[in-house]
Amino acid sequence: MGELVAALQQFDPALEVRLAIQPRLPYEHAVGPVAEADGMVWIGEAGQCGYASDEVAESLGWR
């Protein structure tokens, strides 16, 4: 979990957080509830918001 916290701390806390899923056609999903179960922290998704831009895919190293 420390890796995720450290990665997020470099950004403005006022920014929205989205999950990008599926490298070939990146979908944009809202972050949902966060919970602990089975000895892990889980981040739920709160629905698809649309498609991530080419800039997002490039920033994630998917293109």
PDB file of N, CA and C in Angstrom:
ATOM      1  N   MET A   1       0.828  -1.190   0.000  1.00  0.00           N
ATOM      2  CA  MET A   1       0.000   0.000   0.000  1.00  0.00           C
ATOM      3  C   MET A   1       0.873   1.254   0.000  1.00  0.00           C
ATOM      4  N   GLY A   2       2.040   1.162   0.602  1.00  0.00           N
ATOM      5  CA  GLY A   2       2.941   2.312   0.640  1.00  0.00           C
ATOM      6  C   GLY A   2       3.316   2.805  -0.744  1.00  0.00           C
ATOM      7  N   GLU A   3       3.423   1.877  -1.716  1.00  0.00           N
ATOM      8  CA  GLU A   3       3.763   2.271  -3.085  1.00  0.00           C
ATOM      9  C   GLU A   3       2.698   3.183  -3.679  1.00  0.00           C
ATOM     10  N   LEU A   4       1.429   2.828  -3.470  1.00  0.00           N
ATOM     11  CA  LEU A   4       0.333   3.633  -4.004  1.00  0.00           C
ATOM     12  C   LEU A   4       0.282   4.991  -3.327  1.00  0.00           C
ATOM     13  N   VAL A   5       0.426   5.016  -2.015  1.00  0.00           N
ATOM     14  CA  VAL A   5       0.414   6.284  -1.277  1.00  0.00           C
ATOM     15  C   VAL A   5       1.550   7.176  -1.750  1.00  0.00           C
ATOM     16  N   ALA A   6       2.750   6.627  -1.884  1.00  0.00           N
ATOM     17  CA  ALA A   6       3.898   7.410  -2.338  1.00  0.00           C
ATOM     18  C   ALA A   6       3.684   7.936  -3.754  1.00  0.00           C
ATOM     19  N   ALA A   7       3.121   7.099  -4.628  1.00  0.00           N
ATOM     20  CA  ALA A   7       2.874   7.538  -6.009  1.00  0.00           C
ATOM     21  C   ALA A   7       1.863   8.671  -6.054  1.00  0.00           C
ATOM     22  N   LEU A   8       0.823   8.604  -5.239  1.00  0.00           N
ATOM     23  CA  LEU A   8      -0.220   9.628  -5.255  1.00  0.00           C
ATOM     24  C   LEU A   8       0.224  10.938  -4.607  1.00  0.00           C
ATOM     25  N   GLN A   9       1.168  10.870  -3.678  1.00  0.00           N
ATOM     26  CA  GLN A   9       1.601  12.076  -2.963  1.00  0.00           C
ATOM     27  C   GLN A   9       2.314  13.087  -3.846  1.00  0.00           C
ATOM     28  N   GLN A  10       2.748  12.692  -5.030  1.00  0.00           N
ATOM     29  CA  GLN A  10       3.437  13.633  -5.912  1.00  0.00           C
ATOM     30  C   GLN A  10       2.475  14.548  -6.664  1.00  0.00           C
ATOM     31  N   PHE A  11       1.166  14.289  -6.539  1.00  0.00           N
ATOM     32  CA  PHE A  11       0.164  15.068  -7.274  1.00  0.00           C
ATOM     33  C   PHE A  11      -0.632  15.973  -6.340  1.00  0.00           C
ATOM     34  N   ASP A  12      -1.240  16.978  -6.927  1.00  0.00           N
ATOM     35  CA  ASP A  12      -2.110  17.901  -6.198  1.00  0.00           C
ATOM     36  C   ASP A  12      -3.277  17.115  -5.603  1.00  0.00           C
ATOM     37  N   PRO A  13      -3.501  17.202  -4.284  1.00  0.00           N
ATOM     38  CA  PRO A  13      -4.587  16.441  -3.672  1.00  0.00           C
ATOM     39  C   PRO A  13      -5.987  16.868  -4.133  1.00  0.00           C
ATOM     40  N   ALA A  14      -6.095  18.000  -4.802  1.00  0.00           N
ATOM     41  CA  ALA A  14      -7.396  18.453  -5.304  1.00  0.00           C
ATOM     42  C   ALA A  14      -7.777  17.760  -6.621  1.00  0.00           C
ATOM     43  N   LEU A  15      -6.832  17.070  -7.259  1.00  0.00           N
ATOM     44  CA  LEU A  15      -7.119  16.388  -8.522  1.00  0.00           C
ATOM     45  C   LEU A  15      -8.022  15.177  -8.298  1.00  0.00           C
ATOM     46  N   GLU A  16      -8.874  14.886  -9.281  1.00  0.00           N
ATOM     47  CA  GLU A  16      -9.690  13.674  -9.241  1.00  0.00           C
ATOM     48  C   GLU A  16      -8.805  12.479  -9.556  1.00  0.00           C
ATOM     49  N   VAL A  17      -9.175  11.332  -9.036  1.00  0.00           N
ATOM     50  CA  VAL A  17      -8.444  10.092  -9.310  1.00  0.00           C
ATOM     51  C   VAL A  17      -9.310   9.213 -10.194  1.00  0.00           C
ATOM     52  N   ARG A  18      -8.718   8.641 -11.232  1.00  0.00           N
ATOM     53  CA  ARG A  18      -9.411   7.730 -12.135  1.00  0.00           C
ATOM     54  C   ARG A  18      -8.556   6.491 -12.318  1.00  0.00           C
ATOM     55  N   LEU A  19      -9.191   5.385 -12.643  1.00  0.00           N
ATOM     56  CA  LEU A  19      -8.500   4.153 -12.982  1.00  0.00           C
ATOM     57  C   LEU A  19      -8.553   3.990 -14.494  1.00  0.00           C
ATOM     58  N   ALA A  20      -7.415   3.707 -15.102  1.00  0.00           N
ATOM     59  CA  ALA A  20      -7.378   3.407 -16.530  1.00  0.00           C
ATOM     60  C   ALA A  20      -7.259   1.893 -16.651  1.00  0.00           C
ATOM     61  N   ILE A  21      -8.156   1.298 -17.420  1.00  0.00           N
ATOM     62  CA  ILE A  21      -8.216  -0.152 -17.543  1.00  0.00           C
ATOM     63  C   ILE A  21      -8.195  -0.528 -19.018  1.00  0.00           C
ATOM     64  N   GLN A  22      -7.457  -1.563 -19.357  1.00  0.00           N
ATOM     65  CA  GLN A  22      -7.430  -2.128 -20.701  1.00  0.00           C
ATOM     66  C   GLN A  22      -6.538  -1.304 -21.629  1.00  0.00           C
ATOM     67  N   PRO A  23      -5.266  -1.651 -21.745  1.00  0.00           N
ATOM     68  CA  PRO A  23      -4.319  -0.847 -22.538  1.00  0.00           C
ATOM     69  C   PRO A  23      -4.694  -0.619 -23.998  1.00  0.00           C
ATOM     70  N   ARG A  24      -5.310  -1.570 -24.671  1.00  0.00           N
ATOM     71  CA  ARG A  24      -5.597  -1.380 -26.104  1.00  0.00           C
ATOM     72  C   ARG A  24      -6.685  -0.351 -26.357  1.00  0.00           C
ATOM     73  N   LEU A  25      -7.666  -0.290 -25.497  1.00  0.00           N
ATOM     74  CA  LEU A  25      -8.752   0.680 -25.611  1.00  0.00           C
ATOM     75  C   LEU A  25      -9.052   1.154 -24.190  1.00  0.00           C
ATOM     76  N   PRO A  26      -8.238   2.107 -23.677  1.00  0.00           N
ATOM     77  CA  PRO A  26      -8.314   2.451 -22.261  1.00  0.00           C
ATOM     78  C   PRO A  26      -9.656   3.058 -21.837  1.00  0.00           C
ATOM     79  N   TYR A  27     -10.300   2.352 -20.937  1.00  0.00           N
ATOM     80  CA  TYR A  27     -11.514   2.868 -20.311  1.00  0.00           C
ATOM     81  C   TYR A  27     -11.130   3.669 -19.086  1.00  0.00           C
ATOM     82  N   GLU A  28     -11.926   4.680 -18.791  1.00  0.00           N
ATOM     83  CA  GLU A  28     -11.727   5.524 -17.617  1.00  0.00           C
ATOM     84  C   GLU A  28     -12.811   5.176 -16.604  1.00  0.00           C
ATOM     85  N   HIS A  29     -12.395   4.788 -15.398  1.00  0.00           N
ATOM     86  CA  HIS A  29     -13.335   4.422 -14.343  1.00  0.00           C
ATOM     87  C   HIS A  29     -13.128   5.302 -13.119  1.00  0.00           C
ATOM     88  N   ALA A  30     -14.209   5.656 -12.451  1.00  0.00           N
ATOM     89  CA  ALA A  30     -14.135   6.400 -11.198  1.00  0.00           C
ATOM     90  C   ALA A  30     -13.720   5.448 -10.084  1.00  0.00           C
ATOM     91  N   VAL A  31     -12.984   5.970  -9.114  1.00  0.00           N
ATOM     92  CA  VAL A  31     -12.579   5.184  -7.955  1.00  0.00           C
ATOM     93  C   VAL A  31     -13.765   5.091  -7.004  1.00  0.00           C
ATOM     94  N   GLY A  32     -14.042   3.890  -6.550  1.00  0.00           N
ATOM     95  CA  GLY A  32     -15.155   3.653  -5.634  1.00  0.00           C
ATOM     96  C   GLY A  32     -14.668   3.426  -4.223  1.00  0.00           C
ATOM     97  N   PRO A  33     -15.353   2.569  -3.504  1.00  0.00           N
ATOM     98  CA  PRO A  33     -14.984   2.324  -2.113  1.00  0.00           C
ATOM     99  C   PRO A  33     -13.631   1.615  -2.000  1.00  0.00           C
ATOM    100  N   VAL A  34     -12.979   1.839  -0.888  1.00  0.00           N
ATOM    101  CA  VAL A  34     -11.705   1.195  -0.581  1.00  0.00           C
ATOM    102  C   VAL A  34     -11.917   0.372   0.682  1.00  0.00           C
ATOM    103  N   ALA A  35     -11.461  -0.886   0.667  1.00  0.00           N
ATOM    104  CA  ALA A  35     -11.709  -1.767   1.805  1.00  0.00           C
ATOM    105  C   ALA A  35     -10.532  -2.721   1.995  1.00  0.00           C
ATOM    106  N   GLU A  36     -10.464  -3.306   3.167  1.00  0.00           N
ATOM    107  CA  GLU A  36      -9.462  -4.323   3.460  1.00  0.00           C
ATOM    108  C   GLU A  36     -10.150  -5.663   3.590  1.00  0.00           C
ATOM    109  N   ALA A  37      -9.641  -6.666   2.901  1.00  0.00           N
ATOM    110  CA  ALA A  37     -10.166  -8.031   2.985  1.00  0.00           C
ATOM    111  C   ALA A  37      -9.093  -8.983   2.490  1.00  0.00           C
ATOM    112  N   ASP A  38      -9.079 -10.173   3.006  1.00  0.00           N
ATOM    113  CA  ASP A  38      -8.125 -11.206   2.574  1.00  0.00           C
ATOM    114  C   ASP A  38      -6.676 -10.754   2.699  1.00  0.00           C
ATOM    115  N   GLY A  39      -6.386  -9.894   3.675  1.00  0.00           N
ATOM    116  CA  GLY A  39      -5.021  -9.433   3.884  1.00  0.00           C
ATOM    117  C   GLY A  39      -4.524  -8.438   2.859  1.00  0.00           C
ATOM    118  N   MET A  40      -5.446  -7.812   2.109  1.00  0.00           N
ATOM    119  CA  MET A  40      -5.074  -6.835   1.083  1.00  0.00           C
ATOM    120  C   MET A  40      -6.007  -5.639   1.148  1.00  0.00           C
ATOM    121  N   VAL A  41      -5.575  -4.546   0.539  1.00  0.00           N
ATOM    122  CA  VAL A  41      -6.430  -3.375   0.378  1.00  0.00           C
ATOM    123  C   VAL A  41      -6.985  -3.411  -1.036  1.00  0.00           C
ATOM    124  N   TRP A  42      -8.288  -3.265  -1.145  1.00  0.00           N
ATOM    125  CA  TRP A  42      -8.984  -3.334  -2.436  1.00  0.00           C
ATOM    126  C   TRP A  42      -9.552  -1.966  -2.796  1.00  0.00           C
ATOM    127  N   ILE A  43      -9.418  -1.595  -4.054  1.00  0.00           N
ATOM    128  CA  ILE A  43      -9.999  -0.354  -4.569  1.00  0.00           C
ATOM    129  C   ILE A  43     -11.113  -0.760  -5.514  1.00  0.00           C
ATOM    130  N   GLY A  44     -12.322  -0.416  -5.147  1.00  0.00           N
ATOM    131  CA  GLY A  44     -13.468  -0.724  -5.998  1.00  0.00           C
ATOM    132  C   GLY A  44     -13.648   0.344  -7.058  1.00  0.00           C
ATOM    133  N   GLU A  45     -14.282  -0.029  -8.149  1.00  0.00           N
ATOM    134  CA  GLU A  45     -14.560   0.972  -9.186  1.00  0.00           C
ATOM    135  C   GLU A  45     -16.013   1.420  -9.063  1.00  0.00           C
ATOM    136  N   ALA A  46     -16.242   2.669  -9.433  1.00  0.00           N
ATOM    137  CA  ALA A  46     -17.560   3.269  -9.274  1.00  0.00           C
ATOM    138  C   ALA A  46     -18.195   3.607 -10.611  1.00  0.00           C
ATOM    139  N   GLY A  47     -17.878   2.822 -11.636  1.00  0.00           N
ATOM    140  CA  GLY A  47     -18.511   3.025 -12.929  1.00  0.00           C
ATOM    141  C   GLY A  47     -17.590   3.628 -13.963  1.00  0.00           C
ATOM    142  N   GLN A  48     -17.886   3.310 -15.220  1.00  0.00           N
ATOM    143  CA  GLN A  48     -17.106   3.834 -16.335  1.00  0.00           C
ATOM    144  C   GLN A  48     -17.511   5.266 -16.615  1.00  0.00           C
ATOM    145  N   CYS A  49     -16.504   6.117 -16.798  1.00  0.00           N
ATOM    146  CA  CYS A  49     -16.742   7.536 -17.071  1.00  0.00           C
ATOM    147  C   CYS A  49     -16.580   7.860 -18.546  1.00  0.00           C
ATOM    148  N   GLY A  50     -15.990   6.974 -19.288  1.00  0.00           N
ATOM    149  CA  GLY A  50     -15.723   7.220 -20.698  1.00  0.00           C
ATOM    150  C   GLY A  50     -14.455   6.504 -21.107  1.00  0.00           C
ATOM    151  N   TYR A  51     -13.754   7.066 -22.055  1.00  0.00           N
ATOM    152  CA  TYR A  51     -12.508   6.499 -22.540  1.00  0.00           C
ATOM    153  C   TYR A  51     -11.364   7.430 -22.180  1.00  0.00           C
ATOM    154  N   ALA A  52     -10.246   6.854 -21.789  1.00  0.00           N
ATOM    155  CA  ALA A  52      -9.065   7.653 -21.485  1.00  0.00           C
ATOM    156  C   ALA A  52      -8.453   8.153 -22.791  1.00  0.00           C
ATOM    157  N   SER A  53      -7.856   9.326 -22.739  1.00  0.00           N
ATOM    158  CA  SER A  53      -7.273   9.940 -23.935  1.00  0.00           C
ATOM    159  C   SER A  53      -5.967   9.254 -24.339  1.00  0.00           C
ATOM    160  N   ASP A  54      -5.515   9.542 -25.540  1.00  0.00           N
ATOM    161  CA  ASP A  54      -4.228   9.043 -26.009  1.00  0.00           C
ATOM    162  C   ASP A  54      -3.103   9.522 -25.091  1.00  0.00           C
ATOM    163  N   GLU A  55      -3.225  10.736 -24.580  1.00  0.00           N
ATOM    164  CA  GLU A  55      -2.213  11.274 -23.657  1.00  0.00           C
ATOM    165  C   GLU A  55      -2.111  10.409 -22.408  1.00  0.00           C
ATOM    166  N   VAL A  56      -3.247   9.956 -21.894  1.00  0.00           N
ATOM    167  CA  VAL A  56      -3.252   9.076 -20.721  1.00  0.00           C
ATOM    168  C   VAL A  56      -2.541   7.774 -21.055  1.00  0.00           C
ATOM    169  N   ALA A  57      -2.901   7.166 -22.172  1.00  0.00           N
ATOM    170  CA  ALA A  57      -2.277   5.893 -22.579  1.00  0.00           C
ATOM    171  C   ALA A  57      -0.761   6.062 -22.736  1.00  0.00           C
ATOM    172  N   GLU A  58      -0.321   7.166 -23.313  1.00  0.00           N
ATOM    173  CA  GLU A  58       1.105   7.416 -23.483  1.00  0.00           C
ATOM    174  C   GLU A  58       1.784   7.615 -22.130  1.00  0.00           C
ATOM    175  N   SER A  59       1.144   8.354 -21.230  1.00  0.00           N
ATOM    176  CA  SER A  59       1.717   8.609 -19.904  1.00  0.00           C
ATOM    177  C   SER A  59       1.863   7.316 -19.107  1.00  0.00           C
ATOM    178  N   LEU A  60       0.966   6.360 -19.345  1.00  0.00           N
ATOM    179  CA  LEU A  60       1.020   5.082 -18.650  1.00  0.00           C
ATOM    180  C   LEU A  60       1.950   4.083 -19.342  1.00  0.00           C
ATOM    181  N   GLY A  61       2.518   4.480 -20.479  1.00  0.00           N
ATOM    182  CA  GLY A  61       3.428   3.603 -21.214  1.00  0.00           C
ATOM    183  C   GLY A  61       2.709   2.533 -22.018  1.00  0.00           C
ATOM    184  N   TRP A  62       1.444   2.764 -22.344  1.00  0.00           N
ATOM    185  CA  TRP A  62       0.646   1.798 -23.100  1.00  0.00           C
ATOM    186  C   TRP A  62       0.761   2.003 -24.605  1.00  0.00           C
ATOM    187  N   ARG A  63       1.368   3.097 -25.048  1.00  0.00           N
ATOM    188  CA  ARG A  63       1.523   3.373 -26.486  1.00  0.00           C
ATOM    189  C   ARG A  63       2.908   3.856 -26.758  1.00  0.00           C
TER     190      ARG A  63
END
